[in-house]
Amino acid sequence: MELSEFNKIFENEDTEWEGDNAIQGLLIIQKYIPNKGIEAAEHDIIYSVSADDLVEAGITTEDAESLRKLNWMIYDGFYMACFV
């Protein structure tokens, strides 16, 4: 997948999940970058790996779409992030 395709997936704002979307998203990220997880946090948001790193690690379209449905986003055009 190209980065442009990955970014396009995250233009969709539809969400659909049950349970803890932050943990579910981190588990998807861990499949591709096993030694990374939460890289930073603020009051109501966690930040993880860069979108570039996920694409380079070979994330599938299906997993990218799952992250999007779990309400993950590409924050500031760079980092994967999720409101908690």
C-alpha atoms as a PDB file:
ATOM      1  CA  MET A   1       0.000   0.000   0.000  1.00  0.00           C
ATOM      2  CA  GLU A   2       1.189   3.498  -0.777  1.00  0.00           C
ATOM      3  CA  LEU A   3       1.043   6.285   1.820  1.00  0.00           C
ATOM      4  CA  SER A   4      -1.490   8.156  -0.333  1.00  0.00           C
ATOM      5  CA  GLU A   5      -3.831   5.137  -0.208  1.00  0.00           C
ATOM      6  CA  PHE A   6      -3.376   4.905   3.559  1.00  0.00           C
ATOM      7  CA  ASN A   7      -4.180   8.611   3.972  1.00  0.00           C
ATOM      8  CA  LYS A   8      -7.279   8.259   1.806  1.00  0.00           C
ATOM      9  CA  ILE A   9      -8.641   5.526   4.106  1.00  0.00           C
ATOM     10  CA  PHE A  10      -8.418   7.968   7.008  1.00  0.00           C
ATOM     11  CA  GLU A  11     -10.436  10.626   5.177  1.00  0.00           C
ATOM     12  CA  ASN A  12     -13.511   8.519   5.944  1.00  0.00           C
ATOM     13  CA  GLU A  13     -15.086   9.486   9.252  1.00  0.00           C
ATOM     14  CA  ASP A  14     -17.272   6.395   9.782  1.00  0.00           C
ATOM     15  CA  THR A  15     -16.592   4.537  13.014  1.00  0.00           C
ATOM     16  CA  GLU A  16     -17.803   1.225  14.340  1.00  0.00           C
ATOM     17  CA  TRP A  17     -16.426  -0.619  17.353  1.00  0.00           C
ATOM     18  CA  GLU A  18     -17.227  -2.349  20.593  1.00  0.00           C
ATOM     19  CA  GLY A  19     -14.923  -2.402  23.599  1.00  0.00           C
ATOM     20  CA  ASP A  20     -11.727  -0.420  24.017  1.00  0.00           C
ATOM     21  CA  ASN A  21     -10.848   1.114  20.666  1.00  0.00           C
ATOM     22  CA  ALA A  22      -7.455   2.324  21.902  1.00  0.00           C
ATOM     23  CA  ILE A  23      -6.282  -1.153  22.904  1.00  0.00           C
ATOM     24  CA  GLN A  24      -7.733  -2.755  19.776  1.00  0.00           C
ATOM     25  CA  GLY A  25      -5.893  -0.220  17.615  1.00  0.00           C
ATOM     26  CA  LEU A  26      -2.627  -0.710  19.476  1.00  0.00           C
ATOM     27  CA  LEU A  27      -2.918  -4.459  18.908  1.00  0.00           C
ATOM     28  CA  ILE A  28      -3.243  -3.863  15.161  1.00  0.00           C
ATOM     29  CA  ILE A  29      -0.212  -1.543  15.219  1.00  0.00           C
ATOM     30  CA  GLN A  30       1.759  -4.106  17.234  1.00  0.00           C
ATOM     31  CA  LYS A  31       1.314  -6.685  14.445  1.00  0.00           C
ATOM     32  CA  TYR A  32       3.432  -4.480  12.185  1.00  0.00           C
ATOM     33  CA  ILE A  33       5.728  -2.701  14.621  1.00  0.00           C
ATOM     34  CA  PRO A  34       5.987  -5.022  17.639  1.00  0.00           C
ATOM     35  CA  ASN A  35       8.403  -2.958  19.706  1.00  0.00           C
ATOM     36  CA  LYS A  36       6.354   0.260  19.583  1.00  0.00           C
ATOM     37  CA  GLY A  37       3.067   1.291  21.127  1.00  0.00           C
ATOM     38  CA  ILE A  38       2.098   4.478  22.889  1.00  0.00           C
ATOM     39  CA  GLU A  39       4.778   7.017  22.065  1.00  0.00           C
ATOM     40  CA  ALA A  40       3.200  10.017  23.820  1.00  0.00           C
ATOM     41  CA  ALA A  41      -0.011  11.057  25.531  1.00  0.00           C
ATOM     42  CA  GLU A  42      -1.918  14.161  26.483  1.00  0.00           C
ATOM     43  CA  HIS A  43      -5.048  14.676  28.539  1.00  0.00           C
ATOM     44  CA  ASP A  44      -7.430  12.810  26.234  1.00  0.00           C
ATOM     45  CA  ILE A  45      -5.335  11.468  23.352  1.00  0.00           C
ATOM     46  CA  ILE A  46      -2.608   8.886  22.808  1.00  0.00           C
ATOM     47  CA  TYR A  47      -0.061   8.990  20.016  1.00  0.00           C
ATOM     48  CA  SER A  48       1.602   5.986  18.461  1.00  0.00           C
ATOM     49  CA  VAL A  49       3.834   5.296  15.467  1.00  0.00           C
ATOM     50  CA  SER A  50       3.978   7.376  12.314  1.00  0.00           C
ATOM     51  CA  ALA A  51       1.733   6.596   9.387  1.00  0.00           C
ATOM     52  CA  ASP A  52       4.892   6.278   7.264  1.00  0.00           C
ATOM     53  CA  ASP A  53       6.268   3.571   9.560  1.00  0.00           C
ATOM     54  CA  LEU A  54       3.029   1.579   9.386  1.00  0.00           C
ATOM     55  CA  VAL A  55       2.945   1.743   5.594  1.00  0.00           C
ATOM     56  CA  GLU A  56       6.626   0.768   5.366  1.00  0.00           C
ATOM     57  CA  ALA A  57       5.955  -2.144   7.741  1.00  0.00           C
ATOM     58  CA  GLY A  58       3.340  -3.442   5.291  1.00  0.00           C
ATOM     59  CA  ILE A  59      -0.006  -2.682   6.936  1.00  0.00           C
ATOM     60  CA  THR A  60      -2.833  -4.164   4.919  1.00  0.00           C
ATOM     61  CA  THR A  61      -5.797  -2.225   3.592  1.00  0.00           C
ATOM     62  CA  GLU A  62      -8.041  -4.313   5.846  1.00  0.00           C
ATOM     63  CA  ASP A  63      -6.068  -3.395   8.994  1.00  0.00           C
ATOM     64  CA  ALA A  64      -5.882   0.274   7.997  1.00  0.00           C
ATOM     65  CA  GLU A  65      -9.651   0.289   7.551  1.00  0.00           C
ATOM     66  CA  SER A  66     -10.033  -1.402  10.944  1.00  0.00           C
ATOM     67  CA  LEU A  67      -7.945   1.318  12.589  1.00  0.00           C
ATOM     68  CA  ARG A  68     -10.134   3.955  10.960  1.00  0.00           C
ATOM     69  CA  LYS A  69     -13.319   2.250  12.134  1.00  0.00           C
ATOM     70  CA  LEU A  70     -11.831   2.142  15.639  1.00  0.00           C
ATOM     71  CA  ASN A  71     -11.694   5.963  15.486  1.00  0.00           C
ATOM     72  CA  TRP A  72      -7.933   6.182  15.048  1.00  0.00           C
ATOM     73  CA  MET A  73      -6.621   9.091  13.008  1.00  0.00           C
ATOM     74  CA  ILE A  74      -3.483  10.484  11.447  1.00  0.00           C
ATOM     75  CA  TYR A  75      -2.725  13.381  13.770  1.00  0.00           C
ATOM     76  CA  ASP A  76      -1.098  16.464  12.322  1.00  0.00           C
ATOM     77  CA  GLY A  77      -0.510  14.549   9.088  1.00  0.00           C
ATOM     78  CA  PHE A  78       2.035  12.259  10.715  1.00  0.00           C
ATOM     79  CA  TYR A  79       1.322  10.234  13.893  1.00  0.00           C
ATOM     80  CA  MET A  80      -1.363   7.644  14.487  1.00  0.00           C
ATOM     81  CA  ALA A  81      -3.520   8.865  17.354  1.00  0.00           C
ATOM     82  CA  CYS A  82      -6.658   7.984  19.235  1.00  0.00           C
ATOM     83  CA  PHE A  83      -8.898   9.867  21.656  1.00  0.00           C
ATOM     84  CA  VAL A  84      -9.336   8.028  24.932  1.00  0.00           C
END
